[in-house]
C-alpha atoms as a PDB file:
ATOM      1  CA  UNK A   1       1.071  -8.167  22.702  1.00  0.00           C
ATOM      2  CA  UNK A   2      -2.297  -6.885  23.506  1.00  0.00           C
ATOM      3  CA  UNK A   3      -3.205  -4.154  26.108  1.00  0.00           C
ATOM      4  CA  UNK A   4      -5.333  -5.048  29.032  1.00  0.00           C
ATOM      5  CA  UNK A   5      -8.898  -4.095  28.360  1.00  0.00           C
ATOM      6  CA  UNK A   6      -7.665  -3.405  24.677  1.00  0.00           C
ATOM      7  CA  UNK A   7      -8.862  -5.149  21.414  1.00  0.00           C
ATOM      8  CA  UNK A   8      -6.385  -6.278  19.032  1.00  0.00           C
ATOM      9  CA  UNK A   9      -5.871  -4.315  15.834  1.00  0.00           C
ATOM     10  CA  UNK A  10      -8.150  -4.864  12.785  1.00  0.00           C
ATOM     11  CA  UNK A  11      -6.440  -6.463   9.685  1.00  0.00           C
ATOM     12  CA  UNK A  12      -4.489  -4.611   7.219  1.00  0.00           C
ATOM     13  CA  UNK A  13      -7.603  -2.770   6.104  1.00  0.00           C
ATOM     14  CA  UNK A  14      -8.039  -1.187   9.192  1.00  0.00           C
ATOM     15  CA  UNK A  15     -11.523  -3.026   9.567  1.00  0.00           C
ATOM     16  CA  UNK A  16     -12.414  -5.313  12.338  1.00  0.00           C
ATOM     17  CA  UNK A  17     -14.277  -7.527   9.850  1.00  0.00           C
ATOM     18  CA  UNK A  18     -14.039  -7.508   5.882  1.00  0.00           C
ATOM     19  CA  UNK A  19     -15.390  -4.124   4.871  1.00  0.00           C
ATOM     20  CA  UNK A  20     -18.685  -3.913   2.428  1.00  0.00           C
ATOM     21  CA  UNK A  21     -18.227  -2.083  -0.821  1.00  0.00           C
ATOM     22  CA  UNK A  22     -19.889   0.943   0.758  1.00  0.00           C
ATOM     23  CA  UNK A  23     -17.652   1.100   3.429  1.00  0.00           C
ATOM     24  CA  UNK A  24     -14.418   0.839   1.270  1.00  0.00           C
ATOM     25  CA  UNK A  25     -15.992   3.387  -0.878  1.00  0.00           C
ATOM     26  CA  UNK A  26     -16.551   5.702   2.352  1.00  0.00           C
ATOM     27  CA  UNK A  27     -12.975   5.274   3.518  1.00  0.00           C
ATOM     28  CA  UNK A  28     -11.724   6.088   0.180  1.00  0.00           C
ATOM     29  CA  UNK A  29     -13.753   9.448   0.009  1.00  0.00           C
ATOM     30  CA  UNK A  30     -12.657  10.120   3.564  1.00  0.00           C
ATOM     31  CA  UNK A  31      -9.085   9.731   2.888  1.00  0.00           C
ATOM     32  CA  UNK A  32      -9.026  11.864  -0.342  1.00  0.00           C
ATOM     33  CA  UNK A  33     -10.993  14.246   1.136  1.00  0.00           C
ATOM     34  CA  UNK A  34      -8.294  15.337   3.809  1.00  0.00           C
ATOM     35  CA  UNK A  35      -5.619  15.125   1.394  1.00  0.00           C
ATOM     36  CA  UNK A  36      -7.545  17.438  -1.275  1.00  0.00           C
ATOM     37  CA  UNK A  37      -8.377  19.797   1.620  1.00  0.00           C
ATOM     38  CA  UNK A  38      -4.890  20.184   2.765  1.00  0.00           C
ATOM     39  CA  UNK A  39      -3.038  19.847  -0.401  1.00  0.00           C
ATOM     40  CA  UNK A  40      -5.257  22.210  -2.560  1.00  0.00           C
ATOM     41  CA  UNK A  41      -6.177  24.259   0.191  1.00  0.00           C
ATOM     42  CA  UNK A  42      -9.813  23.637  -1.286  1.00  0.00           C
ATOM     43  CA  UNK A  43     -13.082  23.837   0.727  1.00  0.00           C
ATOM     44  CA  UNK A  44     -15.012  20.944   1.963  1.00  0.00           C
ATOM     45  CA  UNK A  45     -17.623  20.978  -0.562  1.00  0.00           C
ATOM     46  CA  UNK A  46     -15.315  21.144  -3.587  1.00  0.00           C
ATOM     47  CA  UNK A  47     -13.120  18.329  -1.701  1.00  0.00           C
ATOM     48  CA  UNK A  48     -16.387  16.054  -1.215  1.00  0.00           C
ATOM     49  CA  UNK A  49     -17.461  16.586  -4.431  1.00  0.00           C
ATOM     50  CA  UNK A  50     -14.273  15.401  -6.309  1.00  0.00           C
ATOM     51  CA  UNK A  51     -13.725  12.761  -3.924  1.00  0.00           C
ATOM     52  CA  UNK A  52     -17.025  11.417  -3.882  1.00  0.00           C
ATOM     53  CA  UNK A  53     -16.618  11.028  -7.896  1.00  0.00           C
ATOM     54  CA  UNK A  54     -13.321   9.436  -7.300  1.00  0.00           C
ATOM     55  CA  UNK A  55     -14.455   7.128  -4.718  1.00  0.00           C
ATOM     56  CA  UNK A  56     -17.683   5.969  -6.402  1.00  0.00           C
ATOM     57  CA  UNK A  57     -16.336   5.700  -9.613  1.00  0.00           C
ATOM     58  CA  UNK A  58     -13.088   3.559  -8.617  1.00  0.00           C
ATOM     59  CA  UNK A  59     -15.212   1.451  -6.445  1.00  0.00           C
ATOM     60  CA  UNK A  60     -17.711   0.771  -9.394  1.00  0.00           C
ATOM     61  CA  UNK A  61     -14.652   0.236 -11.954  1.00  0.00           C
ATOM     62  CA  UNK A  62     -13.266  -2.340  -9.558  1.00  0.00           C
ATOM     63  CA  UNK A  63     -13.775  -6.202 -10.503  1.00  0.00           C
ATOM     64  CA  UNK A  64     -14.967  -8.267  -7.253  1.00  0.00           C
ATOM     65  CA  UNK A  65     -10.969  -9.784  -6.991  1.00  0.00           C
ATOM     66  CA  UNK A  66      -9.852  -6.317  -7.103  1.00  0.00           C
ATOM     67  CA  UNK A  67     -12.318  -5.481  -4.458  1.00  0.00           C
ATOM     68  CA  UNK A  68     -11.545  -8.837  -2.568  1.00  0.00           C
ATOM     69  CA  UNK A  69      -7.897  -7.830  -2.778  1.00  0.00           C
ATOM     70  CA  UNK A  70      -8.564  -4.406  -1.105  1.00  0.00           C
ATOM     71  CA  UNK A  71     -10.298  -6.278   1.671  1.00  0.00           C
ATOM     72  CA  UNK A  72      -7.740  -8.178   2.540  1.00  0.00           C
ATOM     73  CA  UNK A  73      -4.489  -5.974   2.065  1.00  0.00           C
ATOM     74  CA  UNK A  74      -6.139  -2.498   2.355  1.00  0.00           C
ATOM     75  CA  UNK A  75      -4.362  -1.389  -0.727  1.00  0.00           C
ATOM     76  CA  UNK A  76      -5.102  -1.056  -4.892  1.00  0.00           C
ATOM     77  CA  UNK A  77      -4.179  -4.250  -6.720  1.00  0.00           C
ATOM     78  CA  UNK A  78      -1.709  -3.635  -9.413  1.00  0.00           C
ATOM     79  CA  UNK A  79      -4.634  -4.131 -11.754  1.00  0.00           C
ATOM     80  CA  UNK A  80      -7.276  -1.444  -9.877  1.00  0.00           C
ATOM     81  CA  UNK A  81      -4.313   0.842  -9.487  1.00  0.00           C
ATOM     82  CA  UNK A  82      -4.690   2.414 -13.459  1.00  0.00           C
ATOM     83  CA  UNK A  83      -8.553   2.729 -12.627  1.00  0.00           C
ATOM     84  CA  UNK A  84      -7.829   4.981  -9.252  1.00  0.00           C
ATOM     85  CA  UNK A  85      -5.586   6.922 -11.106  1.00  0.00           C
ATOM     86  CA  UNK A  86      -7.852   7.440 -14.204  1.00  0.00           C
ATOM     87  CA  UNK A  87     -10.813   8.291 -11.656  1.00  0.00           C
ATOM     88  CA  UNK A  88      -8.402  10.938  -9.951  1.00  0.00           C
ATOM     89  CA  UNK A  89      -7.478  12.617 -13.262  1.00  0.00           C
ATOM     90  CA  UNK A  90     -11.371  12.694 -14.403  1.00  0.00           C
ATOM     91  CA  UNK A  91     -12.745  13.769 -11.168  1.00  0.00           C
ATOM     92  CA  UNK A  92     -10.218  16.559 -10.400  1.00  0.00           C
ATOM     93  CA  UNK A  93      -8.077  14.978  -7.598  1.00  0.00           C
ATOM     94  CA  UNK A  94      -4.789  15.904  -7.960  1.00  0.00           C
ATOM     95  CA  UNK A  95      -1.896  13.622  -6.119  1.00  0.00           C
END
């Protein structure tokens, strides 16, 4: 049921249209930055650096099929998850 004057919710990924690779990267970085700042009590500069490393690396490492699956579901595919964990570790992002 839609609210008067409201727009229907976006797809599972939270976007109205399929996101670009840059939008996926930016969203991953934003989510990561918020978590790192809360969990590690890291400053914004440190969180941005670590999460930029993570988001850039994981988006570059994902295949077109993995990116398409993320566009559709808003989640990492089973084959992309290990790539994300690898970049979390190498970029100093703690879970």
